[in-house]
């Protein structure tokens, strides 16, 4: 059980570091997509391996970060304003996702403190 808690704490530290990296400037699509995938995997791992009612209810309260980059197709370039609109739409989605990541980072910090209380 203690090994599981240590792994969960390590994952929580890692995901908070990733969130901080995104918030402070690395706003690439791959970094944000990686964060979203890791967040889902970490929540699943903790829910599966730590059987504490308070922890599990808090995990359910953490929203999922959903982001998939908008890809510009060849035909978008043929219609001049279309690719600008696509890139602007991706910019707006990315900024919204970064705000969500900031919120999720705080929830992961609280979850980390809750799990540390189990030791």
N, C-alpha and C. Protein backbone atom coordinates (compact mmCIF):
# COMPACT_ATOMS: atom_id res chain seq x y z
N UNK A 1 0.83 -1.20 0.00
CA UNK A 1 0.00 0.00 0.00
C UNK A 1 0.87 1.26 0.00
N UNK A 2 1.95 1.23 0.79
CA UNK A 2 2.80 2.41 0.86
C UNK A 2 3.50 2.68 -0.48
N UNK A 3 3.87 1.62 -1.19
CA UNK A 3 4.48 1.77 -2.51
C UNK A 3 3.48 2.41 -3.47
N UNK A 4 2.24 2.01 -3.40
CA UNK A 4 1.19 2.58 -4.26
C UNK A 4 1.01 4.06 -3.97
N UNK A 5 1.01 4.41 -2.71
CA UNK A 5 0.86 5.82 -2.32
C UNK A 5 2.05 6.63 -2.80
N UNK A 6 3.25 6.08 -2.68
CA UNK A 6 4.44 6.80 -3.17
C UNK A 6 4.38 7.02 -4.67
N UNK A 7 3.94 6.00 -5.41
CA UNK A 7 3.81 6.15 -6.87
C UNK A 7 2.74 7.19 -7.23
N UNK A 8 1.64 7.18 -6.48
CA UNK A 8 0.58 8.17 -6.72
C UNK A 8 1.11 9.57 -6.43
N UNK A 9 1.85 9.73 -5.35
CA UNK A 9 2.40 11.05 -5.00
C UNK A 9 3.40 11.50 -6.06
N UNK A 10 4.18 10.59 -6.57
CA UNK A 10 5.14 10.93 -7.64
C UNK A 10 4.40 11.39 -8.88
N UNK A 11 3.34 10.67 -9.23
CA UNK A 11 2.53 11.06 -10.38
C UNK A 11 1.89 12.43 -10.19
N UNK A 12 1.42 12.69 -8.98
CA UNK A 12 0.80 13.99 -8.69
C UNK A 12 1.83 15.12 -8.79
N UNK A 13 3.03 14.86 -8.31
CA UNK A 13 4.09 15.86 -8.43
C UNK A 13 4.43 16.11 -9.90
N UNK A 14 4.52 15.03 -10.68
CA UNK A 14 4.84 15.16 -12.10
C UNK A 14 3.77 15.93 -12.86
N UNK A 15 2.50 15.64 -12.59
CA UNK A 15 1.44 16.31 -13.35
C UNK A 15 1.35 17.77 -12.98
N UNK A 16 1.64 18.11 -11.73
CA UNK A 16 1.65 19.52 -11.34
C UNK A 16 2.81 20.25 -12.01
N UNK A 17 3.94 19.57 -12.15
CA UNK A 17 5.09 20.18 -12.84
C UNK A 17 4.77 20.39 -14.32
N UNK A 18 4.09 19.42 -14.93
CA UNK A 18 3.68 19.58 -16.33
C UNK A 18 2.72 20.76 -16.48
N UNK A 19 1.78 20.87 -15.55
CA UNK A 19 0.81 21.97 -15.60
C UNK A 19 1.53 23.31 -15.46
N UNK A 20 2.47 23.37 -14.56
CA UNK A 20 3.24 24.61 -14.36
C UNK A 20 4.01 24.98 -15.62
N UNK A 21 4.58 23.97 -16.26
CA UNK A 21 5.34 24.20 -17.50
C UNK A 21 4.43 24.78 -18.59
N UNK A 22 3.22 24.26 -18.69
CA UNK A 22 2.27 24.76 -19.70
C UNK A 22 1.84 26.18 -19.35
N UNK A 23 1.52 26.42 -18.10
CA UNK A 23 1.03 27.73 -17.69
C UNK A 23 2.10 28.81 -17.86
N UNK A 24 3.35 28.44 -17.61
CA UNK A 24 4.43 29.42 -17.70
C UNK A 24 4.96 29.64 -19.11
N UNK A 25 4.46 28.89 -20.10
CA UNK A 25 4.92 29.25 -21.43
C UNK A 25 4.98 28.17 -22.48
N UNK A 26 5.10 26.90 -22.12
CA UNK A 26 5.17 25.85 -23.16
C UNK A 26 3.75 25.49 -23.56
N UNK A 27 3.22 26.25 -24.50
CA UNK A 27 1.82 26.10 -24.90
C UNK A 27 1.68 25.30 -26.20
N UNK A 28 2.61 24.41 -26.45
CA UNK A 28 2.53 23.62 -27.69
C UNK A 28 1.38 22.61 -27.59
N UNK A 29 0.83 22.29 -28.71
CA UNK A 29 -0.30 21.36 -28.77
C UNK A 29 0.07 19.98 -28.23
N UNK A 30 1.28 19.51 -28.55
CA UNK A 30 1.69 18.19 -28.09
C UNK A 30 1.83 18.16 -26.56
N UNK A 31 2.33 19.22 -25.97
CA UNK A 31 2.47 19.27 -24.51
C UNK A 31 1.10 19.25 -23.84
N UNK A 32 0.17 20.00 -24.38
CA UNK A 32 -1.18 20.04 -23.80
C UNK A 32 -1.89 18.70 -23.98
N UNK A 33 -1.76 18.07 -25.14
CA UNK A 33 -2.36 16.76 -25.36
C UNK A 33 -1.74 15.71 -24.44
N UNK A 34 -0.44 15.79 -24.23
CA UNK A 34 0.25 14.88 -23.33
C UNK A 34 -0.26 15.04 -21.90
N UNK A 35 -0.44 16.29 -21.47
CA UNK A 35 -0.97 16.56 -20.14
C UNK A 35 -2.37 15.95 -19.99
N UNK A 36 -3.20 16.13 -20.99
CA UNK A 36 -4.58 15.62 -20.93
C UNK A 36 -4.59 14.10 -20.81
N UNK A 37 -3.76 13.41 -21.59
CA UNK A 37 -3.69 11.95 -21.51
C UNK A 37 -3.17 11.50 -20.15
N UNK A 38 -2.11 12.14 -19.68
CA UNK A 38 -1.50 11.76 -18.40
C UNK A 38 -2.48 12.00 -17.25
N UNK A 39 -3.25 13.06 -17.32
CA UNK A 39 -4.22 13.36 -16.29
C UNK A 39 -5.26 12.25 -16.18
N UNK A 40 -5.75 11.78 -17.30
CA UNK A 40 -6.74 10.70 -17.30
C UNK A 40 -6.13 9.41 -16.74
N UNK A 41 -4.92 9.09 -17.17
CA UNK A 41 -4.25 7.87 -16.69
C UNK A 41 -3.98 7.94 -15.19
N UNK A 42 -3.56 9.10 -14.70
CA UNK A 42 -3.27 9.25 -13.29
C UNK A 42 -4.52 9.11 -12.44
N UNK A 43 -5.60 9.72 -12.88
CA UNK A 43 -6.87 9.59 -12.16
C UNK A 43 -7.31 8.13 -12.10
N UNK A 44 -7.18 7.41 -13.21
CA UNK A 44 -7.55 5.99 -13.24
C UNK A 44 -6.67 5.18 -12.29
N UNK A 45 -5.36 5.44 -12.29
CA UNK A 45 -4.44 4.71 -11.42
C UNK A 45 -4.79 4.93 -9.95
N UNK A 46 -5.02 6.18 -9.57
CA UNK A 46 -5.32 6.47 -8.17
C UNK A 46 -6.65 5.86 -7.76
N UNK A 47 -7.66 5.97 -8.60
CA UNK A 47 -8.97 5.41 -8.28
C UNK A 47 -8.91 3.89 -8.14
N UNK A 48 -8.09 3.27 -8.96
CA UNK A 48 -7.98 1.82 -8.95
C UNK A 48 -7.16 1.30 -7.75
N UNK A 49 -6.13 2.04 -7.34
CA UNK A 49 -5.19 1.51 -6.36
C UNK A 49 -5.29 2.09 -4.96
N UNK A 50 -5.98 3.18 -4.78
CA UNK A 50 -6.13 3.75 -3.44
C UNK A 50 -7.62 3.70 -3.09
N UNK A 51 -7.93 2.90 -2.11
CA UNK A 51 -9.35 2.69 -1.77
C UNK A 51 -9.73 3.51 -0.54
N UNK A 52 -9.69 4.81 -0.71
CA UNK A 52 -10.10 5.73 0.34
C UNK A 52 -11.28 6.53 -0.21
N UNK A 53 -12.36 6.58 0.55
CA UNK A 53 -13.58 7.23 0.07
C UNK A 53 -13.37 8.72 -0.23
N UNK A 54 -12.62 9.40 0.64
CA UNK A 54 -12.38 10.83 0.44
C UNK A 54 -11.56 11.08 -0.83
N UNK A 55 -10.53 10.26 -1.04
CA UNK A 55 -9.68 10.39 -2.23
C UNK A 55 -10.49 10.10 -3.49
N UNK A 56 -11.25 9.03 -3.48
CA UNK A 56 -12.03 8.67 -4.67
C UNK A 56 -13.10 9.71 -5.01
N UNK A 57 -13.72 10.29 -3.99
CA UNK A 57 -14.73 11.31 -4.29
C UNK A 57 -14.06 12.58 -4.83
N UNK A 58 -12.86 12.86 -4.35
CA UNK A 58 -12.15 14.04 -4.86
C UNK A 58 -11.66 13.82 -6.29
N UNK A 59 -11.27 12.61 -6.61
CA UNK A 59 -10.84 12.30 -7.98
C UNK A 59 -12.01 12.52 -8.95
N UNK A 60 -13.20 12.14 -8.53
CA UNK A 60 -14.38 12.33 -9.38
C UNK A 60 -14.66 13.81 -9.62
N UNK A 61 -14.24 14.67 -8.69
CA UNK A 61 -14.48 16.11 -8.81
C UNK A 61 -13.48 16.80 -9.74
N UNK A 62 -12.38 16.13 -10.05
CA UNK A 62 -11.37 16.72 -10.94
C UNK A 62 -11.85 16.60 -12.38
N UNK A 63 -12.04 17.73 -13.06
CA UNK A 63 -12.53 17.66 -14.44
C UNK A 63 -11.46 17.13 -15.40
N UNK A 64 -11.93 16.50 -16.46
CA UNK A 64 -11.00 16.03 -17.50
C UNK A 64 -10.64 17.20 -18.41
N UNK A 65 -9.40 17.23 -18.80
CA UNK A 65 -8.93 18.24 -19.75
C UNK A 65 -9.05 17.63 -21.14
N UNK A 66 -9.89 18.22 -21.95
CA UNK A 66 -10.11 17.73 -23.31
C UNK A 66 -9.55 18.74 -24.30
N UNK A 67 -8.54 18.31 -25.02
CA UNK A 67 -7.97 19.17 -26.05
C UNK A 67 -7.47 18.30 -27.18
N UNK A 68 -7.86 18.64 -28.37
CA UNK A 68 -7.27 18.02 -29.54
C UNK A 68 -7.02 19.14 -30.54
N UNK A 69 -5.82 19.19 -31.00
CA UNK A 69 -5.43 20.30 -31.87
C UNK A 69 -6.22 20.29 -33.18
N UNK A 70 -6.41 21.45 -33.68
CA UNK A 70 -7.10 21.62 -34.96
C UNK A 70 -6.04 21.55 -36.05
N UNK A 71 -6.26 20.68 -36.98
CA UNK A 71 -5.30 20.51 -38.06
C UNK A 71 -5.78 21.27 -39.30
N UNK A 72 -4.88 21.99 -39.89
CA UNK A 72 -5.20 22.74 -41.11
C UNK A 72 -5.02 21.79 -42.28
N UNK A 73 -6.07 21.63 -43.05
CA UNK A 73 -6.06 20.76 -44.22
C UNK A 73 -5.56 21.55 -45.43
N UNK A 74 -5.16 20.85 -46.46
CA UNK A 74 -4.67 21.49 -47.67
C UNK A 74 -5.72 22.41 -48.29
N UNK A 75 -6.96 21.98 -48.29
CA UNK A 75 -8.00 22.81 -48.91
C UNK A 75 -8.24 24.10 -48.13
N UNK A 76 -7.88 24.12 -46.84
CA UNK A 76 -8.01 25.36 -46.05
C UNK A 76 -7.08 26.45 -46.59
N UNK A 77 -5.93 26.04 -47.08
CA UNK A 77 -4.99 27.01 -47.62
C UNK A 77 -5.48 27.60 -48.95
N UNK A 78 -6.30 26.83 -49.64
CA UNK A 78 -6.81 27.30 -50.93
C UNK A 78 -7.84 28.41 -50.77
N UNK A 79 -8.53 28.38 -49.66
CA UNK A 79 -9.49 29.44 -49.35
C UNK A 79 -8.81 30.33 -48.32
N UNK A 80 -8.35 31.48 -48.73
CA UNK A 80 -7.49 32.34 -47.92
C UNK A 80 -7.97 32.57 -46.49
N UNK A 81 -9.18 33.04 -46.24
CA UNK A 81 -9.56 33.31 -44.86
C UNK A 81 -9.79 32.05 -44.02
N UNK A 82 -9.98 30.91 -44.66
CA UNK A 82 -10.32 29.69 -43.92
C UNK A 82 -9.20 29.26 -42.97
N UNK A 83 -7.97 29.27 -43.40
CA UNK A 83 -6.90 28.78 -42.53
C UNK A 83 -6.62 29.75 -41.39
N UNK A 84 -6.86 31.04 -41.59
CA UNK A 84 -6.72 31.99 -40.49
C UNK A 84 -7.78 31.73 -39.42
N UNK A 85 -8.99 31.42 -39.88
CA UNK A 85 -10.08 31.13 -38.96
C UNK A 85 -9.78 29.86 -38.18
N UNK A 86 -9.24 28.85 -38.84
CA UNK A 86 -8.91 27.58 -38.19
C UNK A 86 -7.84 27.82 -37.12
N UNK A 87 -6.80 28.57 -37.46
CA UNK A 87 -5.74 28.84 -36.49
C UNK A 87 -6.25 29.67 -35.32
N UNK A 88 -7.13 30.61 -35.58
CA UNK A 88 -7.73 31.42 -34.51
C UNK A 88 -8.59 30.55 -33.59
N UNK A 89 -9.34 29.65 -34.19
CA UNK A 89 -10.17 28.73 -33.42
C UNK A 89 -9.30 27.85 -32.51
N UNK A 90 -8.17 27.38 -33.03
CA UNK A 90 -7.23 26.59 -32.23
C UNK A 90 -6.64 27.43 -31.11
N UNK A 91 -6.32 28.68 -31.38
CA UNK A 91 -5.78 29.59 -30.37
C UNK A 91 -6.77 29.78 -29.22
N UNK A 92 -8.03 29.98 -29.54
CA UNK A 92 -9.07 30.16 -28.53
C UNK A 92 -9.23 28.88 -27.71
N UNK A 93 -9.26 27.73 -28.37
CA UNK A 93 -9.40 26.44 -27.67
C UNK A 93 -8.21 26.19 -26.75
N UNK A 94 -7.03 26.54 -27.22
CA UNK A 94 -5.83 26.34 -26.42
C UNK A 94 -5.85 27.21 -25.16
N UNK A 95 -6.25 28.47 -25.30
CA UNK A 95 -6.33 29.35 -24.14
C UNK A 95 -7.36 28.88 -23.13
N UNK A 96 -8.49 28.38 -23.61
CA UNK A 96 -9.52 27.84 -22.72
C UNK A 96 -8.98 26.62 -21.98
N UNK A 97 -8.26 25.77 -22.68
CA UNK A 97 -7.68 24.57 -22.08
C UNK A 97 -6.63 24.93 -21.04
N UNK A 98 -5.85 25.96 -21.28
CA UNK A 98 -4.82 26.38 -20.32
C UNK A 98 -5.48 26.87 -19.03
N UNK A 99 -6.61 27.55 -19.13
CA UNK A 99 -7.34 27.95 -17.93
C UNK A 99 -7.83 26.73 -17.16
N UNK A 100 -8.32 25.72 -17.89
CA UNK A 100 -8.75 24.47 -17.25
C UNK A 100 -7.58 23.77 -16.57
N UNK A 101 -6.42 23.79 -17.21
CA UNK A 101 -5.23 23.15 -16.64
C UNK A 101 -4.83 23.84 -15.34
N UNK A 102 -4.95 25.15 -15.30
CA UNK A 102 -4.64 25.89 -14.08
C UNK A 102 -5.57 25.47 -12.94
N UNK A 103 -6.85 25.30 -13.24
CA UNK A 103 -7.81 24.85 -12.24
C UNK A 103 -7.50 23.42 -11.78
N UNK A 104 -7.21 22.56 -12.74
CA UNK A 104 -6.92 21.16 -12.44
C UNK A 104 -5.64 21.04 -11.61
N UNK A 105 -4.66 21.88 -11.89
CA UNK A 105 -3.40 21.86 -11.13
C UNK A 105 -3.68 22.08 -9.65
N UNK A 106 -4.53 23.04 -9.33
CA UNK A 106 -4.89 23.30 -7.93
C UNK A 106 -5.59 22.11 -7.29
N UNK A 107 -6.43 21.45 -8.04
CA UNK A 107 -7.13 20.28 -7.50
C UNK A 107 -6.17 19.12 -7.27
N UNK A 108 -5.19 18.97 -8.17
CA UNK A 108 -4.18 17.92 -7.95
C UNK A 108 -3.32 18.24 -6.73
N UNK A 109 -3.04 19.50 -6.48
CA UNK A 109 -2.27 19.88 -5.30
C UNK A 109 -3.04 19.52 -4.03
N UNK A 110 -4.33 19.77 -4.04
CA UNK A 110 -5.17 19.42 -2.89
C UNK A 110 -5.23 17.91 -2.72
N UNK A 111 -5.36 17.18 -3.83
CA UNK A 111 -5.38 15.72 -3.77
C UNK A 111 -4.07 15.18 -3.23
N UNK A 112 -2.96 15.80 -3.60
CA UNK A 112 -1.65 15.37 -3.09
C UNK A 112 -1.60 15.50 -1.57
N UNK A 113 -2.10 16.61 -1.04
CA UNK A 113 -2.12 16.79 0.41
C UNK A 113 -3.03 15.77 1.09
N UNK A 114 -4.14 15.47 0.45
CA UNK A 114 -5.06 14.48 1.01
C UNK A 114 -4.41 13.10 1.07
N UNK A 115 -3.71 12.73 0.02
CA UNK A 115 -3.05 11.42 -0.01
C UNK A 115 -1.88 11.38 0.97
N UNK A 116 -1.16 12.49 1.11
CA UNK A 116 -0.08 12.53 2.09
C UNK A 116 -0.62 12.32 3.49
N UNK A 117 -1.84 12.72 3.73
CA UNK A 117 -2.48 12.51 5.03
C UNK A 117 -2.76 11.06 5.32
N UNK A 118 -2.75 10.22 4.30
CA UNK A 118 -3.00 8.79 4.49
C UNK A 118 -1.78 8.04 5.03
N UNK A 119 -0.61 8.65 4.88
CA UNK A 119 0.63 7.98 5.29
C UNK A 119 0.75 8.00 6.80
